[in-house]
Protein backbone atom coordinates (compact mmCIF):
# COMPACT_ATOMS: atom_id res chain seq x y z
CA MET A 1 0.62 21.43 -8.37
CA ILE A 2 -1.11 19.96 -11.38
CA LEU A 3 -0.16 16.72 -13.13
CA TYR A 4 -1.37 16.33 -16.57
CA ARG A 5 -1.48 13.57 -19.32
CA GLN A 6 -1.73 13.72 -23.09
CA HIS A 7 -5.10 12.42 -24.33
CA PRO A 8 -5.21 11.28 -28.18
CA GLN A 9 -8.44 13.13 -28.92
CA ARG A 10 -9.20 15.70 -25.98
CA GLY A 11 -5.36 17.07 -25.55
CA GLN A 12 -3.76 17.75 -22.18
CA LEU A 13 -6.11 16.52 -19.17
CA VAL A 14 -5.58 16.90 -15.54
CA SER A 15 -4.67 13.68 -14.02
CA ALA A 16 -3.63 14.54 -10.57
CA ALA A 17 -3.78 17.83 -8.44
CA SER A 18 -2.52 19.12 -4.99
CA PRO A 19 -5.14 20.15 -2.21
CA ALA A 20 -4.43 23.71 -2.90
CA ALA A 21 -5.23 23.25 -6.70
CA TRP A 22 -8.38 20.98 -5.76
CA HIS A 23 -9.79 23.92 -3.55
CA SER A 24 -9.16 26.25 -6.59
CA GLY A 25 -11.74 24.04 -8.54
CA VAL A 26 -9.28 21.95 -10.44
CA ARG A 27 -10.82 18.59 -11.17
CA LEU A 28 -9.59 15.34 -12.71
CA GLU A 29 -9.98 14.86 -16.65
CA MET A 30 -10.28 18.74 -16.94
CA PRO A 31 -8.55 20.62 -19.91
CA LEU A 32 -5.34 21.72 -18.63
CA SER A 33 -5.75 25.27 -19.93
CA GLU A 34 -8.94 25.57 -17.82
CA ALA A 35 -7.32 24.18 -14.47
CA ARG A 36 -4.28 26.65 -15.36
CA SER A 37 -6.94 29.56 -15.60
CA LEU A 38 -8.53 28.54 -12.31
CA VAL A 39 -5.33 28.38 -10.42
CA GLU A 40 -4.17 31.58 -11.71
CA GLN A 41 -7.36 33.47 -10.65
CA THR A 42 -7.33 32.15 -7.15
CA ARG A 43 -3.58 31.91 -6.41
CA PRO A 44 -1.69 34.67 -8.26
CA ALA A 45 1.70 32.78 -7.66
CA ALA A 46 2.64 30.70 -10.51
CA ALA A 47 1.47 27.09 -10.36
CA THR A 48 3.82 24.15 -10.88
CA ILE A 49 2.46 22.15 -13.77
CA LEU A 50 4.32 18.96 -14.81
CA GLU A 51 3.37 16.01 -17.21
CA HIS A 52 2.49 12.92 -15.33
CA ASP A 53 4.99 10.09 -15.31
CA PRO A 54 3.31 6.90 -14.35
CA GLU A 55 6.51 4.68 -14.29
CA THR A 56 8.27 6.87 -11.84
CA ASP A 57 5.06 6.80 -9.82
CA ARG A 58 5.17 3.07 -9.75
CA GLN A 59 8.79 2.86 -8.85
CA MET A 60 8.30 5.34 -5.87
CA LEU A 61 5.37 3.33 -4.60
CA GLN A 62 7.50 0.13 -4.71
CA GLN A 63 9.87 1.98 -2.53
CA LEU A 64 7.32 2.87 -0.13
CA ALA A 65 6.24 -0.71 -0.14
CA LEU A 66 9.73 -1.81 0.90
CA ASP A 67 9.83 0.81 3.58
CA CYS A 68 6.52 -0.70 4.90
CA HIS A 69 8.05 -4.11 5.79
CA GLN A 70 8.74 -2.55 9.18
CA PHE A 71 4.99 -2.96 9.71
CA SER A 72 4.30 -6.31 7.71
CA PRO A 73 6.26 -9.03 5.88
CA THR A 74 3.72 -8.97 3.16
CA VAL A 75 3.25 -5.74 1.48
CA GLY A 76 2.35 -5.07 -2.27
CA LEU A 77 0.76 -2.70 -4.72
CA GLU A 78 -2.84 -2.89 -6.02
CA GLN A 79 -3.32 -4.57 -9.19
CA ALA A 80 -3.99 -1.74 -11.65
CA GLU A 81 -2.39 -0.17 -14.57
CA GLN A 82 -1.49 3.21 -12.41
CA PRO A 83 -1.46 1.88 -8.74
CA ASP A 84 -1.74 4.45 -5.90
CA CYS A 85 -2.59 2.05 -3.12
CA LEU A 86 -0.41 -0.07 -0.88
CA LEU A 87 -1.78 -3.48 0.51
CA LEU A 88 -0.54 -4.80 3.75
CA ASP A 89 -1.48 -8.07 5.53
CA ILE A 90 -1.53 -7.40 9.15
CA THR A 91 -3.21 -10.60 10.15
CA SER A 92 -0.48 -12.12 12.29
CA VAL A 93 1.50 -8.88 13.32
CA SER A 94 -0.87 -6.26 14.56
CA HIS A 95 -0.52 -7.59 18.32
CA LEU A 96 3.09 -6.54 17.98
CA PHE A 97 2.01 -3.01 17.55
CA GLY A 98 -0.70 -2.87 20.27
CA GLY A 99 -3.54 -3.91 18.03
CA MET A 100 -5.06 -3.18 14.69
CA ARG A 101 -5.86 0.44 15.13
CA SER A 102 -2.55 1.21 16.87
CA LEU A 103 -0.86 -0.11 13.97
CA GLU A 104 -3.14 1.76 11.59
CA LEU A 105 -2.06 4.99 13.36
CA ARG A 106 1.66 3.97 13.17
CA VAL A 107 1.27 3.40 9.31
CA ALA A 108 -0.42 6.75 8.73
CA ASP A 109 1.89 8.67 10.84
CA HIS A 110 4.96 7.26 9.03
CA PHE A 111 3.64 8.64 5.65
CA ARG A 112 2.70 11.96 7.05
CA GLU A 113 6.04 12.28 8.40
CA ALA A 114 7.40 11.69 5.14
CA GLY A 115 5.08 14.35 3.54
CA TYR A 116 2.30 12.16 1.89
CA LEU A 117 -1.31 12.58 2.30
CA VAL A 118 -2.75 9.29 3.38
CA ARG A 119 -6.01 7.43 3.78
CA THR A 120 -5.93 4.12 5.59
CA ALA A 121 -8.41 1.38 6.45
CA ILE A 122 -8.59 -2.02 8.03
CA ALA A 123 -10.86 -4.95 6.62
CA PRO A 124 -11.00 -8.46 6.26
CA THR A 125 -10.62 -8.50 2.54
CA ILE A 126 -8.43 -6.60 0.03
CA GLY A 127 -11.34 -5.34 -1.84
CA MET A 128 -13.26 -4.07 1.23
CA ALA A 129 -9.96 -2.24 2.63
CA TRP A 130 -9.18 -0.56 -0.90
CA GLY A 131 -12.65 0.65 -1.11
CA LEU A 132 -12.93 1.86 2.56
CA ALA A 133 -9.34 3.61 2.03
CA LYS A 134 -10.23 5.24 -1.28
CA TYR A 135 -13.96 6.29 -0.94
CA GLN A 136 -15.14 6.27 2.69
CA GLU A 137 -14.17 10.06 3.08
CA GLN A 138 -16.03 10.88 0.03
CA ARG A 139 -19.26 9.51 1.44
CA ALA A 140 -19.15 11.91 4.22
CA LYS A 141 -18.35 15.02 1.75
CA ASP A 142 -18.26 14.59 -1.95
CA LYS A 143 -15.26 16.81 -2.63
CA GLY A 144 -12.20 14.38 -2.40
CA ASN A 145 -10.34 12.94 -5.24
CA THR A 146 -8.64 9.59 -5.87
CA ASN A 147 -5.63 10.41 -7.90
CA SER A 148 -2.10 9.84 -7.21
CA ALA A 149 -2.05 12.95 -4.99
CA VAL A 150 -3.38 10.97 -2.11
CA LEU A 151 -1.85 7.67 -1.31
CA GLY A 152 -4.16 4.77 0.02
CA ALA A 153 -2.69 2.15 2.48
CA ALA A 154 -5.16 -0.67 2.84
CA LEU A 155 -4.55 -2.81 5.64
CA GLY A 156 -6.07 -6.32 5.29
CA ALA A 157 -6.93 -8.58 8.35
CA GLY A 158 -7.70 -12.18 7.89
CA LEU A 159 -6.35 -12.28 4.31
CA PRO A 160 -5.57 -15.50 2.70
CA THR A 161 -1.86 -16.59 2.25
CA SER A 162 -2.36 -18.56 -1.05
CA PRO A 163 -5.39 -18.69 -3.57
CA SER A 164 -6.25 -22.12 -1.86
CA GLY A 165 -5.72 -21.11 1.55
CA PRO A 166 -8.54 -21.01 4.23
CA HIS A 167 -10.34 -17.50 4.36
CA PRO A 168 -13.21 -16.93 6.97
CA PRO A 169 -15.46 -14.36 5.18
CA CYS A 170 -16.11 -11.06 6.53
CA GLY A 171 -14.22 -10.10 9.68
CA HIS A 172 -13.22 -13.28 11.68
CA PRO A 173 -9.99 -11.65 13.08
CA LEU A 174 -11.60 -8.14 13.77
CA PRO A 175 -12.70 -6.93 17.18
CA GLU A 176 -16.39 -8.20 17.92
CA GLY A 177 -18.91 -6.02 16.47
CA GLU A 178 -16.70 -4.27 13.95
CA GLY A 179 -17.17 -6.58 11.16
CA ASN A 180 -20.83 -5.84 10.97
CA THR A 181 -20.02 -1.92 10.98
CA LEU A 182 -17.53 -2.55 8.34
CA ILE A 183 -19.82 -4.53 5.92
CA SER A 184 -22.59 -1.66 6.56
CA SER A 185 -20.21 1.15 5.72
CA PHE A 186 -18.82 -0.56 2.73
CA SER A 187 -22.40 -1.37 1.21
CA SER A 188 -23.20 2.45 1.52
CA LEU A 189 -20.32 3.46 -0.68
CA SER A 190 -20.41 4.05 -4.47
CA VAL A 191 -20.24 1.08 -6.99
CA ALA A 192 -16.63 2.39 -7.83
CA VAL A 193 -15.18 0.73 -4.55
CA LEU A 194 -15.72 -2.57 -6.59
CA ARG A 195 -12.88 -1.75 -8.98
CA LEU A 196 -14.82 -2.26 -12.02
CA GLN A 197 -14.16 -1.25 -15.77
CA PRO A 198 -15.28 2.20 -16.72
CA ALA A 199 -17.80 0.89 -19.21
CA THR A 200 -19.54 -1.14 -16.46
CA LEU A 201 -19.59 1.80 -14.03
CA GLN A 202 -20.96 3.86 -16.93
CA THR A 203 -23.92 1.32 -17.54
CA LEU A 204 -24.50 1.06 -13.70
CA HIS A 205 -25.08 4.82 -13.59
CA GLN A 206 -27.26 5.00 -16.46
CA LEU A 207 -29.33 2.36 -14.73
CA GLY A 208 -29.47 4.50 -11.40
CA ILE A 209 -27.51 1.86 -9.47
CA GLU A 210 -25.26 4.21 -7.56
CA ARG A 211 -24.24 2.16 -4.23
CA VAL A 212 -23.08 -1.30 -3.50
CA GLU A 213 -26.31 -2.08 -1.35
CA GLN A 214 -28.39 -1.53 -4.34
CA LEU A 215 -26.49 -4.22 -6.28
CA GLN A 216 -26.66 -6.66 -3.20
CA CYS A 217 -30.54 -6.29 -3.47
CA LEU A 218 -30.41 -7.59 -7.01
CA PRO A 219 -30.78 -11.24 -8.05
CA ARG A 220 -27.05 -12.44 -8.99
CA SER A 221 -28.51 -14.41 -12.01
CA ALA A 222 -29.71 -10.97 -13.48
CA LEU A 223 -26.40 -9.26 -12.74
CA HIS A 224 -24.51 -12.13 -14.36
CA SER A 225 -26.66 -12.16 -17.58
CA ARG A 226 -26.34 -8.41 -17.96
CA PHE A 227 -22.58 -7.75 -16.85
CA GLY A 228 -21.12 -11.09 -17.35
CA ASP A 229 -18.65 -12.45 -14.57
CA GLU A 230 -16.77 -9.23 -13.85
CA LEU A 231 -19.54 -7.64 -11.48
CA THR A 232 -20.25 -10.85 -9.33
CA TRP A 233 -16.56 -11.68 -9.22
CA ARG A 234 -15.77 -8.43 -7.79
CA LEU A 235 -18.68 -8.42 -5.24
CA ASP A 236 -17.64 -11.82 -3.97
CA GLN A 237 -13.96 -10.72 -3.67
CA ALA A 238 -15.05 -7.81 -1.52
CA CYS A 239 -17.15 -9.86 0.75
CA GLY A 240 -14.63 -12.72 0.81
CA VAL A 241 -16.33 -15.44 -0.94
CA ILE A 242 -13.73 -15.47 -3.44
CA ASP A 243 -10.05 -15.30 -2.36
CA GLU A 244 -7.81 -12.67 -3.35
CA VAL A 245 -3.99 -12.58 -2.37
CA ILE A 246 -1.44 -9.74 -2.15
CA THR A 247 1.32 -10.01 -4.78
CA ALA A 248 4.19 -8.94 -2.40
CA VAL A 249 7.07 -6.77 -3.23
CA GLN A 250 10.28 -8.28 -2.27
CA PRO A 251 13.42 -6.58 -1.38
CA PRO A 252 16.36 -6.88 -3.92
CA ALA A 253 18.83 -9.70 -2.79
CA ASP A 254 22.33 -8.34 -2.30
CA PHE A 255 23.97 -11.34 -3.58
CA THR A 256 23.26 -14.21 -6.04
CA PRO A 257 24.33 -17.77 -5.80
CA SER A 258 26.49 -17.30 -8.85
CA ASN A 259 28.85 -15.01 -6.96
CA PHE A 260 28.48 -16.57 -3.41
CA SER A 261 30.83 -19.56 -2.70
CA ILE A 262 30.66 -21.62 0.38
CA THR A 263 34.18 -21.62 1.88
CA ARG A 264 35.30 -20.95 5.47
CA SER A 265 36.63 -17.47 4.43
CA ALA A 266 33.30 -16.51 2.42
CA ILE A 267 31.16 -17.38 5.40
CA GLY A 268 33.28 -15.51 7.71
CA ARG A 269 33.00 -12.30 5.50
CA ARG A 270 29.35 -12.85 4.98
CA TRP A 271 28.90 -13.08 8.73
CA GLN A 272 30.55 -9.89 9.49
CA SER A 273 29.04 -8.03 6.83
CA CYS A 274 25.58 -9.15 8.39
CA CYS A 275 26.84 -8.14 11.85
CA ARG A 276 27.85 -4.66 10.51
CA ASP A 277 24.37 -4.15 8.88
CA CYS A 278 22.77 -5.29 12.09
CA TRP A 279 24.65 -2.64 14.12
CA ALA A 280 23.98 0.08 11.65
CA SER A 281 20.30 -0.52 11.63
CA CYS A 282 20.14 -0.58 15.48
CA ALA A 283 22.17 2.57 15.58
CA ASN A 284 19.89 4.40 13.00
CA ARG A 285 16.72 2.98 14.90
CA CYS A 286 17.80 4.22 18.27
CA GLY A 287 18.77 7.69 17.14
CA ALA A 288 22.34 7.55 18.23
CA GLY A 289 24.86 9.13 16.08
CA ASN A 290 27.89 7.10 16.64
CA TRP A 291 28.20 3.46 18.24
CA ALA A 292 31.22 1.94 19.50
CA GLY A 293 30.96 -1.83 18.87
CA TRP A 294 32.64 -4.70 17.14
CA CYS A 295 31.66 -8.14 16.02
CA GLY A 296 33.75 -11.11 15.36
CA GLY A 297 33.37 -13.62 12.70
CA ALA A 298 33.00 -17.40 12.45
CA THR A 299 35.32 -20.00 13.62
CA CYS A 300 35.59 -23.33 12.09
CA ALA A 301 36.69 -26.64 13.91
CA GLY A 302 36.94 -28.67 11.02
CA ARG A 303 38.10 -28.68 7.45
CA THR A 304 34.67 -28.53 5.77
CA PRO A 305 31.81 -26.07 6.13
CA SER A 306 29.49 -28.68 7.94
CA HIS A 307 31.95 -28.69 11.01
CA CYS A 308 31.62 -24.73 11.37
CA ARG A 309 30.96 -23.59 14.86
CA TRP A 310 28.91 -20.20 14.51
CA SER A 311 30.03 -17.74 17.16
CA SER A 312 30.27 -13.92 17.31
CA SER A 313 31.59 -11.72 19.97
CA CYS A 314 30.09 -8.21 20.51
CA SER A 315 31.17 -5.64 22.98
CA ASN A 316 28.29 -3.86 24.65
CA PRO A 317 27.19 -0.61 22.50
CA ARG A 318 28.02 2.52 24.00
CA PRO A 319 27.09 5.84 22.37
CA ARG A 320 29.99 8.03 21.94
CA SER A 321 29.71 11.56 23.12
CA PRO A 322 29.24 13.99 20.23
CA THR A 323 32.38 15.81 18.89
């Protein structure tokens, strides 16, 4: 499969490609006619070629972010014009899954079972996790791409909860010894991991600066005078000197204050609805097709909502035999 976009000067260009098309020689920004010729030479069967729809991609990625609330209460999309990476804050939840590495495997398996190619990484900052997820594999073999055919899931540990919140730089919550390894791995990657503007990347390549560690050896004053604030700002974000927060994707509310009245009957209906949703969720997670159970509503001892006694009675759930 090949996705293409319309360029105002260069015409139709490849914006994403499946692994099969990639192995056939298709590359990003390649003219579509050349890509079609390569695929037809190596794979006689007709290739699927579609125009790229970034808005649909974003909507699907937001839905995947909502699905990832089972792993973390704070899930967001990378801040980019066309995002293809999810960000999860696992600072306070990894122990619920048996540790950070166990959680990382759970996240990866979740996406693979859904049919996605995924690369994951855990790091103490958003910038470092993003870079490791997107580019670490390319350091080993320079043949991967970073388009929307590959989903990146960057899991951040020790992220700040607000722009002014405390943030220990570089790896405080990670197991001992892993912080230095992560920093070393990140420093050896391409400068593209810093999420810089294309013009800045092009200038760095012209100057022969290809890796992050080369930038770190240069005086900050020289970097600032040559590239302005962007380069040092991105470096500081990646290393935890400047805080960066996840803009969380929130699930849509199923009611609004305008249509929710606080009355005894309304509270009872809402309570019963919550119980039904709870039982349905439990049945789906446990894999049982049909469950027998019932939930009672709320009872009120007084004439105002403040006198309500919350109570519910639920029978023991028993899976019904299949019919």
